Amino acid sequence: MKKLLVAAAVMTVSTASFATDGKALFQQKGCTACHQAAAETVGPSLKKIAAAYAGKEADLIKFLKGEGKAIVDPSKEAIMKPQINTTKAMKDDELKALAQYMLSNK
């Protein structure tokens, strides 16, 4: 039972750590220029992205890799194209952290 509780605690800390790292990446990679937590600006809000991709983290990562279509606001997909070049170059663990941060904005 102790091992199970320790494993659960480690998973919780790891997820929280990914979200924290994801927030830093979100800011460092310039995502804040177009995406805000709750406000619609050039791009959809993180809240809207989180709702659209709820339970679809893999689909969000696929989009960030340039391998999937936008499902939040397809009419603005062309605006995101230059940024996709940045996210495509990111490591898988960075993309996972970025996606988890974005999805945490419910």
PDB file of N, CA and C in Angstrom:
ATOM      1  N   MET A   1       0.821  -1.188   0.000  1.00  0.00           N
ATOM      2  CA  MET A   1       0.000   0.000   0.000  1.00  0.00           C
ATOM      3  C   MET A   1       0.874   1.265   0.000  1.00  0.00           C
ATOM      4  N   LYS A   2       1.974   1.224   0.806  1.00  0.00           N
ATOM      5  CA  LYS A   2       2.868   2.372   0.846  1.00  0.00           C
ATOM      6  C   LYS A   2       3.465   2.658  -0.525  1.00  0.00           C
ATOM      7  N   LYS A   3       3.858   1.587  -1.227  1.00  0.00           N
ATOM      8  CA  LYS A   3       4.448   1.767  -2.562  1.00  0.00           C
ATOM      9  C   LYS A   3       3.453   2.410  -3.513  1.00  0.00           C
ATOM     10  N   LEU A   4       2.191   2.026  -3.408  1.00  0.00           N
ATOM     11  CA  LEU A   4       1.150   2.583  -4.264  1.00  0.00           C
ATOM     12  C   LEU A   4       0.965   4.068  -3.979  1.00  0.00           C
ATOM     13  N   LEU A   5       0.949   4.445  -2.710  1.00  0.00           N
ATOM     14  CA  LEU A   5       0.801   5.849  -2.342  1.00  0.00           C
ATOM     15  C   LEU A   5       2.004   6.671  -2.799  1.00  0.00           C
ATOM     16  N   VAL A   6       3.191   6.118  -2.660  1.00  0.00           N
ATOM     17  CA  VAL A   6       4.396   6.817  -3.108  1.00  0.00           C
ATOM     18  C   VAL A   6       4.359   6.992  -4.625  1.00  0.00           C
ATOM     19  N   ALA A   7       3.969   5.956  -5.332  1.00  0.00           N
ATOM     20  CA  ALA A   7       3.876   6.040  -6.801  1.00  0.00           C
ATOM     21  C   ALA A   7       2.858   7.102  -7.212  1.00  0.00           C
ATOM     22  N   ALA A   8       1.722   7.150  -6.530  1.00  0.00           N
ATOM     23  CA  ALA A   8       0.697   8.152  -6.838  1.00  0.00           C
ATOM     24  C   ALA A   8       1.211   9.554  -6.554  1.00  0.00           C
ATOM     25  N   ALA A   9       1.936   9.723  -5.471  1.00  0.00           N
ATOM     26  CA  ALA A   9       2.496  11.031  -5.136  1.00  0.00           C
ATOM     27  C   ALA A   9       3.524  11.468  -6.171  1.00  0.00           C
ATOM     28  N   VAL A  10       4.359  10.539  -6.614  1.00  0.00           N
ATOM     29  CA  VAL A  10       5.366  10.856  -7.633  1.00  0.00           C
ATOM     30  C   VAL A  10       4.685  11.252  -8.936  1.00  0.00           C
ATOM     31  N   MET A  11       3.630  10.535  -9.318  1.00  0.00           N
ATOM     32  CA  MET A  11       2.901  10.866 -10.553  1.00  0.00           C
ATOM     33  C   MET A  11       2.279  12.250 -10.443  1.00  0.00           C
ATOM     34  N   THR A  12       1.717  12.590  -9.292  1.00  0.00           N
ATOM     35  CA  THR A  12       1.105  13.903  -9.092  1.00  0.00           C
ATOM     36  C   THR A  12       2.157  14.994  -9.188  1.00  0.00           C
ATOM     37  N   VAL A  13       3.296  14.793  -8.545  1.00  0.00           N
ATOM     38  CA  VAL A  13       4.382  15.767  -8.607  1.00  0.00           C
ATOM     39  C   VAL A  13       4.899  15.886 -10.032  1.00  0.00           C
ATOM     40  N   SER A  14       5.037  14.766 -10.742  1.00  0.00           N
ATOM     41  CA  SER A  14       5.516  14.797 -12.121  1.00  0.00           C
ATOM     42  C   SER A  14       4.572  15.579 -13.015  1.00  0.00           C
ATOM     43  N   THR A  15       3.272  15.376 -12.874  1.00  0.00           N
ATOM     44  CA  THR A  15       2.285  16.096 -13.684  1.00  0.00           C
ATOM     45  C   THR A  15       2.346  17.584 -13.358  1.00  0.00           C
ATOM     46  N   ALA A  16       2.420  17.919 -12.083  1.00  0.00           N
ATOM     47  CA  ALA A  16       2.513  19.326 -11.690  1.00  0.00           C
ATOM     48  C   ALA A  16       3.798  19.936 -12.235  1.00  0.00           C
ATOM     49  N   SER A  17       4.885  19.174 -12.201  1.00  0.00           N
ATOM     50  CA  SER A  17       6.159  19.647 -12.715  1.00  0.00           C
ATOM     51  C   SER A  17       6.085  19.886 -14.216  1.00  0.00           C
ATOM     52  N   PHE A  18       5.452  18.961 -14.944  1.00  0.00           N
ATOM     53  CA  PHE A  18       5.280  19.146 -16.381  1.00  0.00           C
ATOM     54  C   PHE A  18       4.508  20.432 -16.668  1.00  0.00           C
ATOM     55  N   ALA A  19       3.422  20.671 -15.923  1.00  0.00           N
ATOM     56  CA  ALA A  19       2.626  21.871 -16.145  1.00  0.00           C
ATOM     57  C   ALA A  19       3.443  23.120 -15.854  1.00  0.00           C
ATOM     58  N   THR A  20       4.248  23.090 -14.801  1.00  0.00           N
ATOM     59  CA  THR A  20       5.098  24.228 -14.466  1.00  0.00           C
ATOM     60  C   THR A  20       6.126  24.459 -15.568  1.00  0.00           C
ATOM     61  N   ASP A  21       6.799  23.390 -16.000  1.00  0.00           N
ATOM     62  CA  ASP A  21       7.763  23.511 -17.086  1.00  0.00           C
ATOM     63  C   ASP A  21       7.072  23.978 -18.360  1.00  0.00           C
ATOM     64  N   GLY A  22       5.864  23.490 -18.577  1.00  0.00           N
ATOM     65  CA  GLY A  22       5.091  23.880 -19.751  1.00  0.00           C
ATOM     66  C   GLY A  22       4.777  25.359 -19.759  1.00  0.00           C
ATOM     67  N   LYS A  23       4.491  25.906 -18.593  1.00  0.00           N
ATOM     68  CA  LYS A  23       4.215  27.343 -18.499  1.00  0.00           C
ATOM     69  C   LYS A  23       5.455  28.141 -18.884  1.00  0.00           C
ATOM     70  N   ALA A  24       6.610  27.706 -18.399  1.00  0.00           N
ATOM     71  CA  ALA A  24       7.860  28.382 -18.743  1.00  0.00           C
ATOM     72  C   ALA A  24       8.116  28.300 -20.247  1.00  0.00           C
ATOM     73  N   LEU A  25       7.912  27.132 -20.824  1.00  0.00           N
ATOM     74  CA  LEU A  25       8.080  26.965 -22.270  1.00  0.00           C
ATOM     75  C   LEU A  25       7.097  27.833 -23.037  1.00  0.00           C
ATOM     76  N   PHE A  26       5.856  27.878 -22.576  1.00  0.00           N
ATOM     77  CA  PHE A  26       4.819  28.692 -23.206  1.00  0.00           C
ATOM     78  C   PHE A  26       5.259  30.152 -23.279  1.00  0.00           C
ATOM     79  N   GLN A  27       5.855  30.624 -22.204  1.00  0.00           N
ATOM     80  CA  GLN A  27       6.317  32.012 -22.172  1.00  0.00           C
ATOM     81  C   GLN A  27       7.586  32.189 -23.007  1.00  0.00           C
ATOM     82  N   GLN A  28       8.536  31.266 -22.881  1.00  0.00           N
ATOM     83  CA  GLN A  28       9.820  31.376 -23.583  1.00  0.00           C
ATOM     84  C   GLN A  28       9.675  31.277 -25.099  1.00  0.00           C
ATOM     85  N   LYS A  29       8.753  30.464 -25.565  1.00  0.00           N
ATOM     86  CA  LYS A  29       8.601  30.234 -27.002  1.00  0.00           C
ATOM     87  C   LYS A  29       7.717  31.285 -27.675  1.00  0.00           C
ATOM     88  N   GLY A  30       7.236  32.270 -26.913  1.00  0.00           N
ATOM     89  CA  GLY A  30       6.477  33.368 -27.504  1.00  0.00           C
ATOM     90  C   GLY A  30       4.999  33.102 -27.689  1.00  0.00           C
ATOM     91  N   CYS A  31       4.488  32.060 -27.081  1.00  0.00           N
ATOM     92  CA  CYS A  31       3.072  31.707 -27.236  1.00  0.00           C
ATOM     93  C   CYS A  31       2.142  32.783 -26.676  1.00  0.00           C
ATOM     94  N   THR A  32       2.647  33.518 -25.666  1.00  0.00           N
ATOM     95  CA  THR A  32       1.812  34.547 -25.032  1.00  0.00           C
ATOM     96  C   THR A  32       1.515  35.717 -25.969  1.00  0.00           C
ATOM     97  N   ALA A  33       2.228  35.820 -27.063  1.00  0.00           N
ATOM     98  CA  ALA A  33       1.968  36.889 -28.019  1.00  0.00           C
ATOM     99  C   ALA A  33       0.582  36.744 -28.643  1.00  0.00           C
ATOM    100  N   CYS A  34       0.094  35.509 -28.721  1.00  0.00           N
ATOM    101  CA  CYS A  34      -1.201  35.267 -29.369  1.00  0.00           C
ATOM    102  C   CYS A  34      -2.231  34.576 -28.480  1.00  0.00           C
ATOM    103  N   HIS A  35      -1.787  33.966 -27.391  1.00  0.00           N
ATOM    104  CA  HIS A  35      -2.695  33.192 -26.539  1.00  0.00           C
ATOM    105  C   HIS A  35      -2.652  33.682 -25.097  1.00  0.00           C
ATOM    106  N   GLN A  36      -3.805  33.986 -24.553  1.00  0.00           N
ATOM    107  CA  GLN A  36      -3.943  34.380 -23.150  1.00  0.00           C
ATOM    108  C   GLN A  36      -4.768  33.329 -22.427  1.00  0.00           C
ATOM    109  N   ALA A  37      -4.735  33.337 -21.117  1.00  0.00           N
ATOM    110  CA  ALA A  37      -5.434  32.313 -20.328  1.00  0.00           C
ATOM    111  C   ALA A  37      -6.934  32.258 -20.641  1.00  0.00           C
ATOM    112  N   ALA A  38      -7.611  33.378 -20.546  1.00  0.00           N
ATOM    113  CA  ALA A  38      -9.065  33.362 -20.722  1.00  0.00           C
ATOM    114  C   ALA A  38      -9.560  34.278 -21.830  1.00  0.00           C
ATOM    115  N   ALA A  39      -8.726  35.176 -22.301  1.00  0.00           N
ATOM    116  CA  ALA A  39      -9.151  36.156 -23.303  1.00  0.00           C
ATOM    117  C   ALA A  39      -8.799  35.705 -24.721  1.00  0.00           C
ATOM    118  N   GLU A  40      -9.729  35.941 -25.629  1.00  0.00           N
ATOM    119  CA  GLU A  40      -9.470  35.703 -27.047  1.00  0.00           C
ATOM    120  C   GLU A  40      -8.663  36.889 -27.579  1.00  0.00           C
ATOM    121  N   THR A  41      -7.531  36.607 -28.205  1.00  0.00           N
ATOM    122  CA  THR A  41      -6.730  37.666 -28.820  1.00  0.00           C
ATOM    123  C   THR A  41      -6.488  37.254 -30.269  1.00  0.00           C
ATOM    124  N   VAL A  42      -5.265  37.270 -30.708  1.00  0.00           N
ATOM    125  CA  VAL A  42      -4.946  36.810 -32.058  1.00  0.00           C
ATOM    126  C   VAL A  42      -5.333  35.338 -32.214  1.00  0.00           C
ATOM    127  N   GLY A  43      -5.033  34.567 -31.187  1.00  0.00           N
ATOM    128  CA  GLY A  43      -5.362  33.143 -31.175  1.00  0.00           C
ATOM    129  C   GLY A  43      -6.394  32.850 -30.103  1.00  0.00           C
ATOM    130  N   PRO A  44      -6.887  31.629 -30.082  1.00  0.00           N
ATOM    131  CA  PRO A  44      -7.871  31.267 -29.065  1.00  0.00           C
ATOM    132  C   PRO A  44      -7.252  31.260 -27.658  1.00  0.00           C
ATOM    133  N   SER A  45      -8.094  31.454 -26.670  1.00  0.00           N
ATOM    134  CA  SER A  45      -7.630  31.435 -25.285  1.00  0.00           C
ATOM    135  C   SER A  45      -7.215  30.019 -24.886  1.00  0.00           C
ATOM    136  N   LEU A  46      -6.388  29.932 -23.868  1.00  0.00           N
ATOM    137  CA  LEU A  46      -5.983  28.624 -23.361  1.00  0.00           C
ATOM    138  C   LEU A  46      -7.196  27.860 -22.824  1.00  0.00           C
ATOM    139  N   LYS A  47      -8.131  28.582 -22.257  1.00  0.00           N
ATOM    140  CA  LYS A  47      -9.353  27.952 -21.748  1.00  0.00           C
ATOM    141  C   LYS A  47     -10.119  27.274 -22.889  1.00  0.00           C
ATOM    142  N   LYS A  48     -10.211  27.954 -24.016  1.00  0.00           N
ATOM    143  CA  LYS A  48     -10.907  27.401 -25.182  1.00  0.00           C
ATOM    144  C   LYS A  48     -10.130  26.209 -25.762  1.00  0.00           C
ATOM    145  N   ILE A  49      -8.820  26.319 -25.792  1.00  0.00           N
ATOM    146  CA  ILE A  49      -7.982  25.218 -26.281  1.00  0.00           C
ATOM    147  C   ILE A  49      -8.139  24.001 -25.367  1.00  0.00           C
ATOM    148  N   ALA A  50      -8.086  24.247 -24.053  1.00  0.00           N
ATOM    149  CA  ALA A  50      -8.222  23.149 -23.082  1.00  0.00           C
ATOM    150  C   ALA A  50      -9.572  22.454 -23.223  1.00  0.00           C
ATOM    151  N   ALA A  51     -10.621  23.216 -23.463  1.00  0.00           N
ATOM    152  CA  ALA A  51     -11.951  22.617 -23.627  1.00  0.00           C
ATOM    153  C   ALA A  51     -12.017  21.787 -24.906  1.00  0.00           C
ATOM    154  N   ALA A  52     -11.460  22.302 -25.977  1.00  0.00           N
ATOM    155  CA  ALA A  52     -11.511  21.601 -27.270  1.00  0.00           C
ATOM    156  C   ALA A  52     -10.672  20.322 -27.258  1.00  0.00           C
ATOM    157  N   TYR A  53      -9.557  20.347 -26.553  1.00  0.00           N
ATOM    158  CA  TYR A  53      -8.647  19.202 -26.528  1.00  0.00           C
ATOM    159  C   TYR A  53      -8.760  18.373 -25.240  1.00  0.00           C
ATOM    160  N   ALA A  54      -9.819  18.575 -24.481  1.00  0.00           N
ATOM    161  CA  ALA A  54     -10.007  17.812 -23.240  1.00  0.00           C
ATOM    162  C   ALA A  54      -9.991  16.317 -23.551  1.00  0.00           C
ATOM    163  N   GLY A  55      -9.114  15.592 -22.877  1.00  0.00           N
ATOM    164  CA  GLY A  55      -8.980  14.156 -23.110  1.00  0.00           C
ATOM    165  C   GLY A  55      -8.283  13.800 -24.410  1.00  0.00           C
ATOM    166  N   LYS A  56      -7.703  14.806 -25.085  1.00  0.00           N
ATOM    167  CA  LYS A  56      -7.054  14.590 -26.389  1.00  0.00           C
ATOM    168  C   LYS A  56      -5.641  15.172 -26.408  1.00  0.00           C
ATOM    169  N   GLU A  57      -4.894  14.931 -25.343  1.00  0.00           N
ATOM    170  CA  GLU A  57      -3.532  15.464 -25.257  1.00  0.00           C
ATOM    171  C   GLU A  57      -2.694  15.046 -26.466  1.00  0.00           C
ATOM    172  N   ALA A  58      -2.824  13.796 -26.879  1.00  0.00           N
ATOM    173  CA  ALA A  58      -2.047  13.295 -28.019  1.00  0.00           C
ATOM    174  C   ALA A  58      -2.386  14.071 -29.298  1.00  0.00           C
ATOM    175  N   ASP A  59      -3.649  14.445 -29.458  1.00  0.00           N
ATOM    176  CA  ASP A  59      -4.049  15.221 -30.640  1.00  0.00           C
ATOM    177  C   ASP A  59      -3.451  16.624 -30.601  1.00  0.00           C
ATOM    178  N   LEU A  60      -3.393  17.220 -29.411  1.00  0.00           N
ATOM    179  CA  LEU A  60      -2.786  18.543 -29.272  1.00  0.00           C
ATOM    180  C   LEU A  60      -1.294  18.476 -29.602  1.00  0.00           C
ATOM    181  N   ILE A  61      -0.625  17.464 -29.095  1.00  0.00           N
ATOM    182  CA  ILE A  61       0.800  17.293 -29.394  1.00  0.00           C
ATOM    183  C   ILE A  61       1.004  17.064 -30.891  1.00  0.00           C
ATOM    184  N   LYS A  62       0.128  16.288 -31.486  1.00  0.00           N
ATOM    185  CA  LYS A  62       0.207  16.047 -32.931  1.00  0.00           C
ATOM    186  C   LYS A  62       0.086  17.366 -33.699  1.00  0.00           C
ATOM    187  N   PHE A  63      -0.839  18.226 -33.279  1.00  0.00           N
ATOM    188  CA  PHE A  63      -0.998  19.539 -33.913  1.00  0.00           C
ATOM    189  C   PHE A  63       0.279  20.365 -33.735  1.00  0.00           C
ATOM    190  N   LEU A  64       0.830  20.365 -32.523  1.00  0.00           N
ATOM    191  CA  LEU A  64       2.035  21.140 -32.256  1.00  0.00           C
ATOM    192  C   LEU A  64       3.247  20.621 -33.028  1.00  0.00           C
ATOM    193  N   LYS A  65       3.214  19.348 -33.423  1.00  0.00           N
ATOM    194  CA  LYS A  65       4.274  18.779 -34.252  1.00  0.00           C
ATOM    195  C   LYS A  65       4.054  19.074 -35.736  1.00  0.00           C
ATOM    196  N   GLY A  66       2.933  19.718 -36.058  1.00  0.00           N
ATOM    197  CA  GLY A  66       2.618  20.012 -37.451  1.00  0.00           C
ATOM    198  C   GLY A  66       2.033  18.831 -38.182  1.00  0.00           C
ATOM    199  N   GLU A  67       1.528  17.852 -37.430  1.00  0.00           N
ATOM    200  CA  GLU A  67       1.003  16.622 -38.021  1.00  0.00           C
ATOM    201  C   GLU A  67      -0.520  16.524 -37.933  1.00  0.00           C
ATOM    202  N   GLY A  68      -1.157  17.537 -37.384  1.00  0.00           N
ATOM    203  CA  GLY A  68      -2.610  17.500 -37.234  1.00  0.00           C
ATOM    204  C   GLY A  68      -3.236  18.834 -37.579  1.00  0.00           C
ATOM    205  N   LYS A  69      -4.524  18.821 -37.784  1.00  0.00           N
ATOM    206  CA  LYS A  69      -5.272  20.033 -38.113  1.00  0.00           C
ATOM    207  C   LYS A  69      -5.745  20.726 -36.841  1.00  0.00           C
ATOM    208  N   ALA A  70      -5.942  22.025 -36.935  1.00  0.00           N
ATOM    209  CA  ALA A  70      -6.485  22.791 -35.810  1.00  0.00           C
ATOM    210  C   ALA A  70      -7.942  22.411 -35.613  1.00  0.00           C
ATOM    211  N   ILE A  71      -8.333  22.201 -34.368  1.00  0.00           N
ATOM    212  CA  ILE A  71      -9.747  21.909 -34.105  1.00  0.00           C
ATOM    213  C   ILE A  71     -10.416  23.031 -33.325  1.00  0.00           C
ATOM    214  N   VAL A  72      -9.640  23.956 -32.789  1.00  0.00           N
ATOM    215  CA  VAL A  72     -10.225  25.037 -31.993  1.00  0.00           C
ATOM    216  C   VAL A  72     -10.796  26.111 -32.901  1.00  0.00           C
ATOM    217  N   ASP A  73      -9.987  26.656 -33.775  1.00  0.00           N
ATOM    218  CA  ASP A  73     -10.429  27.705 -34.698  1.00  0.00           C
ATOM    219  C   ASP A  73      -9.678  27.533 -36.017  1.00  0.00           C
ATOM    220  N   PRO A  74     -10.140  26.594 -36.848  1.00  0.00           N
ATOM    221  CA  PRO A  74      -9.430  26.301 -38.104  1.00  0.00           C
ATOM    222  C   PRO A  74      -9.216  27.517 -39.006  1.00  0.00           C
ATOM    223  N   SER A  75     -10.064  28.535 -38.896  1.00  0.00           N
ATOM    224  CA  SER A  75      -9.906  29.716 -39.751  1.00  0.00           C
ATOM    225  C   SER A  75      -8.637  30.499 -39.406  1.00  0.00           C
ATOM    226  N   LYS A  76      -8.085  30.271 -38.215  1.00  0.00           N
ATOM    227  CA  LYS A  76      -6.863  30.972 -37.793  1.00  0.00           C
ATOM    228  C   LYS A  76      -5.624  30.089 -37.875  1.00  0.00           C
ATOM    229  N   GLU A  77      -5.755  28.907 -38.454  1.00  0.00           N
ATOM    230  CA  GLU A  77      -4.630  27.972 -38.506  1.00  0.00           C
ATOM    231  C   GLU A  77      -3.424  28.565 -39.238  1.00  0.00           C
ATOM    232  N   ALA A  78      -3.656  29.330 -40.286  1.00  0.00           N
ATOM    233  CA  ALA A  78      -2.554  29.917 -41.049  1.00  0.00           C
ATOM    234  C   ALA A  78      -1.715  30.863 -40.192  1.00  0.00           C
ATOM    235  N   ILE A  79      -2.344  31.533 -39.229  1.00  0.00           N
ATOM    236  CA  ILE A  79      -1.617  32.447 -38.342  1.00  0.00           C
ATOM    237  C   ILE A  79      -0.623  31.672 -37.486  1.00  0.00           C
ATOM    238  N   MET A  80      -0.967  30.419 -37.175  1.00  0.00           N
ATOM    239  CA  MET A  80      -0.133  29.588 -36.306  1.00  0.00           C
ATOM    240  C   MET A  80       1.031  28.933 -37.051  1.00  0.00           C
ATOM    241  N   LYS A  81       0.981  28.894 -38.364  1.00  0.00           N
ATOM    242  CA  LYS A  81       1.999  28.185 -39.158  1.00  0.00           C
ATOM    243  C   LYS A  81       3.435  28.557 -38.786  1.00  0.00           C
ATOM    244  N   PRO A  82       3.801  29.841 -38.682  1.00  0.00           N
ATOM    245  CA  PRO A  82       5.194  30.154 -38.327  1.00  0.00           C
ATOM    246  C   PRO A  82       5.582  29.608 -36.944  1.00  0.00           C
ATOM    247  N   GLN A  83       4.656  29.620 -36.010  1.00  0.00           N
ATOM    248  CA  GLN A  83       4.948  29.119 -34.667  1.00  0.00           C
ATOM    249  C   GLN A  83       5.078  27.598 -34.655  1.00  0.00           C
ATOM    250  N   ILE A  84       4.380  26.936 -35.565  1.00  0.00           N
ATOM    251  CA  ILE A  84       4.479  25.477 -35.656  1.00  0.00           C
ATOM    252  C   ILE A  84       5.918  25.067 -35.954  1.00  0.00           C
ATOM    253  N   ASN A  85       6.644  25.869 -36.720  1.00  0.00           N
ATOM    254  CA  ASN A  85       8.052  25.564 -36.973  1.00  0.00           C
ATOM    255  C   ASN A  85       8.847  25.539 -35.667  1.00  0.00           C
ATOM    256  N   THR A  86       8.486  26.397 -34.736  1.00  0.00           N
ATOM    257  CA  THR A  86       9.141  26.417 -33.428  1.00  0.00           C
ATOM    258  C   THR A  86       8.760  25.184 -32.628  1.00  0.00           C
ATOM    259  N   THR A  87       7.471  24.859 -32.576  1.00  0.00           N
ATOM    260  CA  THR A  87       7.036  23.720 -31.763  1.00  0.00           C
ATOM    261  C   THR A  87       7.471  22.393 -32.374  1.00  0.00           C
ATOM    262  N   LYS A  88       7.565  22.321 -33.701  1.00  0.00           N
ATOM    263  CA  LYS A  88       8.034  21.091 -34.355  1.00  0.00           C
ATOM    264  C   LYS A  88       9.465  20.758 -33.941  1.00  0.00           C
ATOM    265  N   ALA A  89      10.251  21.765 -33.634  1.00  0.00           N
ATOM    266  CA  ALA A  89      11.648  21.558 -33.263  1.00  0.00           C
ATOM    267  C   ALA A  89      11.820  21.176 -31.789  1.00  0.00           C
ATOM    268  N   MET A  90      10.740  21.221 -31.034  1.00  0.00           N
ATOM    269  CA  MET A  90      10.831  20.907 -29.603  1.00  0.00           C
ATOM    270  C   MET A  90      10.915  19.402 -29.380  1.00  0.00           C
ATOM    271  N   LYS A  91      11.547  19.014 -28.265  1.00  0.00           N
ATOM    272  CA  LYS A  91      11.654  17.608 -27.881  1.00  0.00           C
ATOM    273  C   LYS A  91      10.281  17.106 -27.431  1.00  0.00           C
ATOM    274  N   ASP A  92      10.096  15.802 -27.485  1.00  0.00           N
ATOM    275  CA  ASP A  92       8.819  15.200 -27.102  1.00  0.00           C
ATOM    276  C   ASP A  92       8.421  15.536 -25.665  1.00  0.00           C
ATOM    277  N   ASP A  93       9.381  15.516 -24.736  1.00  0.00           N
ATOM    278  CA  ASP A  93       9.037  15.823 -23.346  1.00  0.00           C
ATOM    279  C   ASP A  93       8.658  17.290 -23.183  1.00  0.00           C
ATOM    280  N   GLU A  94       9.247  18.176 -23.979  1.00  0.00           N
ATOM    281  CA  GLU A  94       8.871  19.591 -23.948  1.00  0.00           C
ATOM    282  C   GLU A  94       7.464  19.780 -24.493  1.00  0.00           C
ATOM    283  N   LEU A  95       7.146  19.085 -25.573  1.00  0.00           N
ATOM    284  CA  LEU A  95       5.799  19.178 -26.141  1.00  0.00           C
ATOM    285  C   LEU A  95       4.752  18.647 -25.167  1.00  0.00           C
ATOM    286  N   LYS A  96       5.087  17.564 -24.483  1.00  0.00           N
ATOM    287  CA  LYS A  96       4.174  17.008 -23.489  1.00  0.00           C
ATOM    288  C   LYS A  96       3.946  18.012 -22.366  1.00  0.00           C
ATOM    289  N   ALA A  97       5.003  18.631 -21.894  1.00  0.00           N
ATOM    290  CA  ALA A  97       4.891  19.636 -20.836  1.00  0.00           C
ATOM    291  C   ALA A  97       4.066  20.831 -21.310  1.00  0.00           C
ATOM    292  N   LEU A  98       4.319  21.280 -22.514  1.00  0.00           N
ATOM    293  CA  LEU A  98       3.581  22.400 -23.086  1.00  0.00           C
ATOM    294  C   LEU A  98       2.099  22.054 -23.200  1.00  0.00           C
ATOM    295  N   ALA A  99       1.803  20.894 -23.717  1.00  0.00           N
ATOM    296  CA  ALA A  99       0.401  20.459 -23.861  1.00  0.00           C
ATOM    297  C   ALA A  99      -0.282  20.341 -22.501  1.00  0.00           C
ATOM    298  N   GLN A 100       0.415  19.768 -21.526  1.00  0.00           N
ATOM    299  CA  GLN A 100      -0.187  19.620 -20.198  1.00  0.00           C
ATOM    300  C   GLN A 100      -0.453  20.981 -19.569  1.00  0.00           C
ATOM    301  N   TYR A 101       0.433  21.933 -19.770  1.00  0.00           N
ATOM    302  CA  TYR A 101       0.181  23.280 -19.264  1.00  0.00           C
ATOM    303  C   TYR A 101      -1.053  23.874 -19.942  1.00  0.00           C
ATOM    304  N   MET A 102      -1.117  23.773 -21.245  1.00  0.00           N
ATOM    305  CA  MET A 102      -2.253  24.342 -21.975  1.00  0.00           C
ATOM    306  C   MET A 102      -3.566  23.702 -21.521  1.00  0.00           C
ATOM    307  N   LEU A 103      -3.543  22.400 -21.343  1.00  0.00           N
ATOM    308  CA  LEU A 103      -4.757  21.673 -20.942  1.00  0.00           C
ATOM    309  C   LEU A 103      -5.136  21.925 -19.488  1.00  0.00           C
ATOM    310  N   SER A 104      -4.209  22.441 -18.697  1.00  0.00           N
ATOM    311  CA  SER A 104      -4.519  22.723 -17.289  1.00  0.00           C
ATOM    312  C   SER A 104      -5.320  24.016 -17.121  1.00  0.00           C
ATOM    313  N   ASN A 105      -5.509  24.756 -18.188  1.00  0.00           N
ATOM    314  CA  ASN A 105      -6.239  26.038 -18.140  1.00  0.00           C
ATOM    315  C   ASN A 105      -7.725  25.834 -18.388  1.00  0.00           C
ATOM    316  N   LYS A 106      -8.379  25.207 -17.442  1.00  0.00           N
ATOM    317  CA  LYS A 106      -9.810  24.897 -17.591  1.00  0.00           C
ATOM    318  C   LYS A 106     -10.688  26.040 -17.130  1.00  0.00           C
TER     319      LYS A 106
END
